[in-house]
Amino acid sequence: MKWVDRNVTPGVGAAIRPMAQRYATDKVESLVGFWVLWHGSGGYEGLVNLGMHPSTVYRRIRAFRILFGEHPDEYTFPGLTLDVRKWNASALDETAP
């Protein structure tokens, strides 16, 4: 075992762990929201039409693939389903909550 592994890593790891967990939670939350918007808005074109820059969409797709192992079109969250027709109908109905 190297000196750094014995003497530096334990202290640095303990100090960084809370920040890393907070960042990871925020990143996962953001990517789940991205998946919802991806499906609710109709994918790439829909997100761009909503105002998301194309390069931002590509970065999010890449991050999604790294974290979940699949493209947002292919991935399904166990226990989570979207009723896209209802979503779109509520977007057209201005009185919807």
C-alpha atoms as a PDB file:
ATOM      1  CA  MET A   1       0.000   0.000   0.000  1.00  0.00           C
ATOM      2  CA  LYS A   2       1.326   3.409  -0.914  1.00  0.00           C
ATOM      3  CA  TRP A   3       1.914   6.177   1.625  1.00  0.00           C
ATOM      4  CA  VAL A   4      -0.762   8.356  -0.016  1.00  0.00           C
ATOM      5  CA  ASP A   5      -3.326   5.564   0.211  1.00  0.00           C
ATOM      6  CA  ARG A   6      -2.572   5.058   3.919  1.00  0.00           C
ATOM      7  CA  ASN A   7      -2.231   8.660   5.024  1.00  0.00           C
ATOM      8  CA  VAL A   8      -4.049  10.984   2.655  1.00  0.00           C
ATOM      9  CA  THR A   9      -6.967   9.056   1.170  1.00  0.00           C
ATOM     10  CA  PRO A  10      -8.775   8.302   4.473  1.00  0.00           C
ATOM     11  CA  GLY A  11      -8.829  11.966   5.536  1.00  0.00           C
ATOM     12  CA  VAL A  12      -9.582  13.386   2.115  1.00  0.00           C
ATOM     13  CA  GLY A  13     -12.231  10.738   1.438  1.00  0.00           C
ATOM     14  CA  ALA A  14     -14.030  11.565   4.679  1.00  0.00           C
ATOM     15  CA  ALA A  15     -13.951  15.285   3.864  1.00  0.00           C
ATOM     16  CA  ILE A  16     -15.083  14.898   0.251  1.00  0.00           C
ATOM     17  CA  ARG A  17     -17.715  12.180   0.738  1.00  0.00           C
ATOM     18  CA  PRO A  18     -20.556  14.522   1.886  1.00  0.00           C
ATOM     19  CA  MET A  19     -19.931  16.886  -1.047  1.00  0.00           C
ATOM     20  CA  ALA A  20     -19.779  13.993  -3.504  1.00  0.00           C
ATOM     21  CA  GLN A  21     -23.022  12.524  -2.184  1.00  0.00           C
ATOM     22  CA  ARG A  22     -24.767  15.902  -2.410  1.00  0.00           C
ATOM     23  CA  TYR A  23     -23.497  16.365  -5.979  1.00  0.00           C
ATOM     24  CA  ALA A  24     -24.478  12.821  -6.959  1.00  0.00           C
ATOM     25  CA  THR A  25     -27.987  13.227  -5.558  1.00  0.00           C
ATOM     26  CA  ASP A  26     -28.418  16.521  -7.405  1.00  0.00           C
ATOM     27  CA  LYS A  27     -27.099  15.011 -10.657  1.00  0.00           C
ATOM     28  CA  VAL A  28     -29.391  11.971 -10.453  1.00  0.00           C
ATOM     29  CA  GLU A  29     -32.371  14.200  -9.673  1.00  0.00           C
ATOM     30  CA  SER A  30     -31.548  16.398 -12.663  1.00  0.00           C
ATOM     31  CA  LEU A  31     -31.203  13.432 -15.017  1.00  0.00           C
ATOM     32  CA  VAL A  32     -34.490  11.870 -13.877  1.00  0.00           C
ATOM     33  CA  GLY A  33     -36.135  15.225 -14.613  1.00  0.00           C
ATOM     34  CA  PHE A  34     -34.399  15.267 -17.985  1.00  0.00           C
ATOM     35  CA  TRP A  35     -35.841  11.808 -18.743  1.00  0.00           C
ATOM     36  CA  VAL A  36     -39.340  13.028 -17.842  1.00  0.00           C
ATOM     37  CA  LEU A  37     -38.989  16.116 -20.039  1.00  0.00           C
ATOM     38  CA  TRP A  38     -37.452  14.031 -22.829  1.00  0.00           C
ATOM     39  CA  HIS A  39     -40.493  11.784 -22.988  1.00  0.00           C
ATOM     40  CA  GLY A  40     -43.056  14.461 -22.208  1.00  0.00           C
ATOM     41  CA  SER A  41     -41.822  16.892 -24.832  1.00  0.00           C
ATOM     42  CA  GLY A  42     -41.108  14.425 -27.616  1.00  0.00           C
ATOM     43  CA  GLY A  43     -37.355  13.886 -27.369  1.00  0.00           C
ATOM     44  CA  TYR A  44     -34.578  15.964 -28.852  1.00  0.00           C
ATOM     45  CA  GLU A  45     -36.691  18.241 -31.044  1.00  0.00           C
ATOM     46  CA  GLY A  46     -39.181  18.850 -28.269  1.00  0.00           C
ATOM     47  CA  LEU A  47     -36.475  19.895 -25.815  1.00  0.00           C
ATOM     48  CA  VAL A  48     -34.898  22.223 -28.368  1.00  0.00           C
ATOM     49  CA  ASN A  49     -38.349  23.685 -29.067  1.00  0.00           C
ATOM     50  CA  LEU A  50     -38.754  24.265 -25.328  1.00  0.00           C
ATOM     51  CA  GLY A  51     -35.594  26.367 -25.456  1.00  0.00           C
ATOM     52  CA  MET A  52     -32.876  23.937 -24.420  1.00  0.00           C
ATOM     53  CA  HIS A  53     -29.695  24.471 -26.416  1.00  0.00           C
ATOM     54  CA  PRO A  54     -28.809  21.497 -28.666  1.00  0.00           C
ATOM     55  CA  SER A  55     -25.396  21.063 -27.062  1.00  0.00           C
ATOM     56  CA  THR A  56     -27.046  20.963 -23.624  1.00  0.00           C
ATOM     57  CA  VAL A  57     -29.355  18.200 -24.827  1.00  0.00           C
ATOM     58  CA  TYR A  58     -26.374  16.204 -26.111  1.00  0.00           C
ATOM     59  CA  ARG A  59     -24.489  16.702 -22.823  1.00  0.00           C
ATOM     60  CA  ARG A  60     -27.493  15.500 -20.840  1.00  0.00           C
ATOM     61  CA  ILE A  61     -27.933  12.475 -23.098  1.00  0.00           C
ATOM     62  CA  ARG A  62     -24.269  11.610 -22.558  1.00  0.00           C
ATOM     63  CA  ALA A  63     -24.540  12.029 -18.784  1.00  0.00           C
ATOM     64  CA  PHE A  64     -27.737   9.960 -18.772  1.00  0.00           C
ATOM     65  CA  ARG A  65     -26.026   7.158 -20.674  1.00  0.00           C
ATOM     66  CA  ILE A  66     -23.050   7.204 -18.323  1.00  0.00           C
ATOM     67  CA  LEU A  67     -25.259   7.022 -15.227  1.00  0.00           C
ATOM     68  CA  PHE A  68     -28.077   4.736 -16.391  1.00  0.00           C
ATOM     69  CA  GLY A  69     -26.333   2.809 -19.169  1.00  0.00           C
ATOM     70  CA  GLU A  70     -28.898   3.537 -21.883  1.00  0.00           C
ATOM     71  CA  HIS A  71     -30.268   6.335 -24.047  1.00  0.00           C
ATOM     72  CA  PRO A  72     -33.321   8.108 -22.557  1.00  0.00           C
ATOM     73  CA  ASP A  73     -35.474   6.611 -25.357  1.00  0.00           C
ATOM     74  CA  GLU A  74     -34.489   3.101 -24.313  1.00  0.00           C
ATOM     75  CA  TYR A  75     -34.375   3.392 -20.533  1.00  0.00           C
ATOM     76  CA  THR A  76     -37.350   2.720 -18.300  1.00  0.00           C
ATOM     77  CA  PHE A  77     -37.453   3.430 -14.591  1.00  0.00           C
ATOM     78  CA  PRO A  78     -38.905   0.474 -12.699  1.00  0.00           C
ATOM     79  CA  GLY A  79     -42.245   1.547 -11.262  1.00  0.00           C
ATOM     80  CA  LEU A  80     -42.350   4.872 -13.094  1.00  0.00           C
ATOM     81  CA  THR A  81     -44.547   5.393 -16.121  1.00  0.00           C
ATOM     82  CA  LEU A  82     -45.624   8.524 -17.952  1.00  0.00           C
ATOM     83  CA  ASP A  83     -48.980   9.145 -19.567  1.00  0.00           C
ATOM     84  CA  VAL A  84     -47.649  11.336 -22.375  1.00  0.00           C
ATOM     85  CA  ARG A  85     -51.086  11.823 -23.931  1.00  0.00           C
ATOM     86  CA  LYS A  86     -52.448  13.147 -20.640  1.00  0.00           C
ATOM     87  CA  TRP A  87     -49.321  15.287 -20.229  1.00  0.00           C
ATOM     88  CA  ASN A  88     -49.795  16.838 -23.667  1.00  0.00           C
ATOM     89  CA  ALA A  89     -53.538  17.298 -23.157  1.00  0.00           C
ATOM     90  CA  SER A  90     -52.941  19.116 -19.865  1.00  0.00           C
ATOM     91  CA  ALA A  91     -50.381  21.356 -21.549  1.00  0.00           C
ATOM     92  CA  LEU A  92     -53.060  22.410 -24.032  1.00  0.00           C
ATOM     93  CA  ASP A  93     -55.657  22.930 -21.302  1.00  0.00           C
ATOM     94  CA  GLU A  94     -54.777  26.219 -19.615  1.00  0.00           C
ATOM     95  CA  THR A  95     -57.167  25.501 -16.736  1.00  0.00           C
ATOM     96  CA  ALA A  96     -55.281  22.342 -15.720  1.00  0.00           C
ATOM     97  CA  PRO A  97     -53.463  22.518 -12.369  1.00  0.00           C
END
